[in-house]
Amino acid sequence: MSAFATGLRRVEDGLAAVAAVALLALTGLMVAEVVLRYVVAAPLSWALGFTTEYLLTAIFFLGLPYTVRAGAHVRIDVLHRVLPDRARWWCTVVGGVLSVLFVAALTWAGITLTAGAWSGGDIPPPGGSELSWPVWTSVIMVPMGTGVTLLRLLALLAVPGQEVTD
């Protein structure tokens, strides 16, 4: 395995670990929220904002590179399995190119959004969110996850038909 492949795998594993911790935190936070809301009548005022702005964003975007590497993304397997080898190869290449273009656009949009939020010092207006943290602290997960996903997609496209499994 090349140094690039090893490094990419380590970064994907690290992001997946953060996504897994976010999933555990989300579960624990929701249990605590339900107990506090219905048993003690004192809900956590910040739980919804933290869940939607940070935990769900981390779970989705930081888990995305690992999902692509593991081949757990959505694909029309029924069609893919019945196609002849040559047609399957072309579908893989075309799907890969379209995926690269989409994820590259998403990465660029995420970088632009994060840079704008960082340079502008954006924070939600009073009453606009339960959390008054800088916006860039949550949106930075978009280009982080999609940037690594883009590298994985390019690596897969370099060898069309290659299936990556763990």
Protein backbone atom coordinates (compact mmCIF):
# COMPACT_ATOMS: atom_id res chain seq x y z
CA MET A 1 0.00 0.00 0.00
CA SER A 2 1.39 3.43 -0.95
CA ALA A 3 2.10 6.18 1.56
CA PHE A 4 -0.82 8.16 0.08
CA ALA A 5 -3.22 5.23 0.50
CA THR A 6 -2.02 4.60 4.05
CA GLY A 7 -2.32 8.27 4.97
CA LEU A 8 -5.76 8.59 3.40
CA ARG A 9 -6.95 5.48 5.23
CA ARG A 10 -5.70 6.89 8.55
CA VAL A 11 -7.44 10.22 7.99
CA GLU A 12 -10.67 8.42 7.01
CA ASP A 13 -10.44 6.24 10.11
CA GLY A 14 -9.86 9.31 12.30
CA LEU A 15 -12.85 11.14 10.86
CA ALA A 16 -14.98 8.00 11.21
CA ALA A 17 -13.96 7.77 14.88
CA VAL A 18 -15.05 11.38 15.44
CA ALA A 19 -18.35 10.63 13.66
CA ALA A 20 -18.85 7.57 15.89
CA VAL A 21 -18.20 9.63 19.03
CA ALA A 22 -20.69 12.22 17.73
CA LEU A 23 -23.27 9.45 17.28
CA LEU A 24 -22.70 8.24 20.84
CA ALA A 25 -22.90 11.82 22.13
CA LEU A 26 -26.13 12.38 20.21
CA THR A 27 -27.64 9.24 21.72
CA GLY A 28 -26.58 10.18 25.25
CA LEU A 29 -27.74 13.76 24.82
CA MET A 30 -31.16 12.70 23.55
CA VAL A 31 -31.62 10.28 26.47
CA ALA A 32 -30.61 13.04 28.91
CA GLU A 33 -32.92 15.51 27.16
CA VAL A 34 -35.92 13.17 27.40
CA VAL A 35 -35.25 12.37 31.06
CA LEU A 36 -34.72 16.00 32.01
CA ARG A 37 -37.70 17.21 30.00
CA TYR A 38 -40.27 14.66 31.17
CA VAL A 39 -39.01 13.61 34.59
CA VAL A 40 -37.51 16.80 35.98
CA ALA A 41 -39.34 19.30 33.71
CA ALA A 42 -36.04 21.05 32.98
CA PRO A 43 -35.00 20.49 29.36
CA LEU A 44 -31.56 21.40 28.10
CA SER A 45 -31.98 24.67 26.23
CA TRP A 46 -28.93 24.10 24.03
CA ALA A 47 -29.48 20.42 23.10
CA LEU A 48 -31.35 20.95 19.83
CA GLY A 49 -28.87 23.50 18.48
CA PHE A 50 -25.87 21.40 19.43
CA THR A 51 -27.46 18.31 17.90
CA THR A 52 -28.40 19.92 14.59
CA GLU A 53 -25.42 22.23 14.14
CA TYR A 54 -22.63 19.96 15.36
CA LEU A 55 -23.51 16.33 16.01
CA LEU A 56 -25.57 15.59 12.89
CA THR A 57 -23.12 17.54 10.73
CA ALA A 58 -20.21 15.54 12.16
CA ILE A 59 -21.99 12.20 11.78
CA PHE A 60 -22.83 12.82 8.13
CA PHE A 61 -19.86 14.71 6.73
CA LEU A 62 -17.07 13.16 8.81
CA GLY A 63 -18.49 9.67 8.27
CA LEU A 64 -18.80 10.15 4.51
CA PRO A 65 -15.20 9.28 3.48
CA TYR A 66 -15.27 5.99 5.40
CA THR A 67 -18.68 5.16 3.93
CA VAL A 68 -17.37 5.62 0.39
CA ARG A 69 -14.22 3.61 1.15
CA ALA A 70 -16.30 0.75 2.56
CA GLY A 71 -18.61 0.79 -0.47
CA ALA A 72 -21.60 1.42 1.80
CA HIS A 73 -22.92 4.31 -0.30
CA VAL A 74 -26.10 4.13 -2.34
CA ARG A 75 -25.76 2.40 -5.70
CA ILE A 76 -28.27 0.60 -7.88
CA ASP A 77 -26.82 -2.85 -7.24
CA VAL A 78 -29.58 -4.72 -9.08
CA LEU A 79 -28.69 -3.01 -12.36
CA HIS A 80 -24.95 -3.07 -11.67
CA ARG A 81 -24.93 -6.85 -11.12
CA VAL A 82 -26.73 -7.78 -14.35
CA LEU A 83 -24.73 -5.57 -16.70
CA PRO A 84 -21.97 -7.08 -18.82
CA ASP A 85 -18.44 -6.35 -17.59
CA ARG A 86 -17.75 -3.59 -20.12
CA ALA A 87 -21.04 -1.78 -19.39
CA ARG A 88 -20.43 -2.15 -15.64
CA TRP A 89 -16.97 -0.62 -16.10
CA TRP A 90 -18.45 2.35 -18.00
CA CYS A 91 -21.17 2.84 -15.38
CA THR A 92 -18.51 2.84 -12.68
CA VAL A 93 -16.40 5.41 -14.55
CA VAL A 94 -19.33 7.71 -15.39
CA GLY A 95 -20.70 7.44 -11.84
CA GLY A 96 -17.23 8.13 -10.47
CA VAL A 97 -16.73 11.22 -12.62
CA LEU A 98 -20.18 12.58 -11.69
CA SER A 99 -19.47 11.88 -8.01
CA VAL A 100 -16.11 13.66 -8.21
CA LEU A 101 -17.73 16.71 -9.84
CA PHE A 102 -20.53 16.86 -7.26
CA VAL A 103 -18.27 16.35 -4.25
CA ALA A 104 -15.72 18.84 -5.63
CA ALA A 105 -18.49 21.46 -5.92
CA LEU A 106 -19.67 20.65 -2.40
CA THR A 107 -16.10 20.91 -1.09
CA TRP A 108 -15.59 24.27 -2.80
CA ALA A 109 -18.91 25.56 -1.43
CA GLY A 110 -17.94 24.36 2.05
CA ILE A 111 -14.54 26.04 1.85
CA THR A 112 -16.15 29.28 0.66
CA LEU A 113 -18.79 29.16 3.41
CA THR A 114 -16.23 28.38 6.12
CA ALA A 115 -13.81 31.07 4.94
CA GLY A 116 -16.60 33.64 4.81
CA ALA A 117 -17.84 32.71 8.28
CA TRP A 118 -14.28 32.81 9.63
CA SER A 119 -13.27 36.13 8.08
CA GLY A 120 -16.62 37.75 8.86
CA GLY A 121 -16.63 36.55 12.45
CA ASP A 122 -20.15 35.24 11.91
CA ILE A 123 -22.14 34.32 14.99
CA PRO A 124 -25.88 33.72 15.15
CA PRO A 125 -27.86 36.82 16.15
CA PRO A 126 -29.26 36.90 19.69
CA GLY A 127 -32.21 34.53 19.81
CA GLY A 128 -31.26 33.08 16.42
CA SER A 129 -29.78 29.92 17.91
CA GLU A 130 -29.39 28.25 21.28
CA LEU A 131 -25.63 28.44 20.75
CA SER A 132 -23.80 31.69 20.10
CA TRP A 133 -20.65 29.99 18.88
CA PRO A 134 -18.84 31.13 15.75
CA VAL A 135 -20.54 29.66 12.67
CA TRP A 136 -17.26 28.38 11.19
CA THR A 137 -16.89 25.88 14.06
CA SER A 138 -19.75 23.82 12.68
CA VAL A 139 -19.52 24.45 8.93
CA ILE A 140 -15.82 23.53 8.78
CA MET A 141 -16.90 19.88 8.98
CA VAL A 142 -18.40 20.15 5.48
CA PRO A 143 -15.13 20.79 3.58
CA MET A 144 -13.22 18.47 5.93
CA GLY A 145 -15.48 15.52 5.15
CA THR A 146 -16.08 16.25 1.50
CA GLY A 147 -12.41 17.07 0.86
CA VAL A 148 -11.31 13.66 2.14
CA THR A 149 -14.21 12.03 0.27
CA LEU A 150 -13.00 13.75 -2.90
CA LEU A 151 -9.53 12.25 -2.43
CA ARG A 152 -11.08 8.78 -1.94
CA LEU A 153 -13.25 9.16 -5.04
CA LEU A 154 -10.25 10.22 -7.11
CA ALA A 155 -8.29 7.22 -5.80
CA LEU A 156 -11.17 4.91 -6.75
CA LEU A 157 -11.51 6.54 -10.16
CA ALA A 158 -7.81 5.97 -10.82
CA VAL A 159 -8.57 2.23 -10.85
CA PRO A 160 -12.18 1.87 -12.14
CA GLY A 161 -13.96 -1.23 -10.94
CA GLN A 162 -11.76 -1.48 -7.87
CA GLU A 163 -13.82 -2.31 -4.81
CA VAL A 164 -12.46 -1.17 -1.48
CA THR A 165 -13.45 -3.20 1.54
CA ASP A 166 -12.39 -3.27 5.15
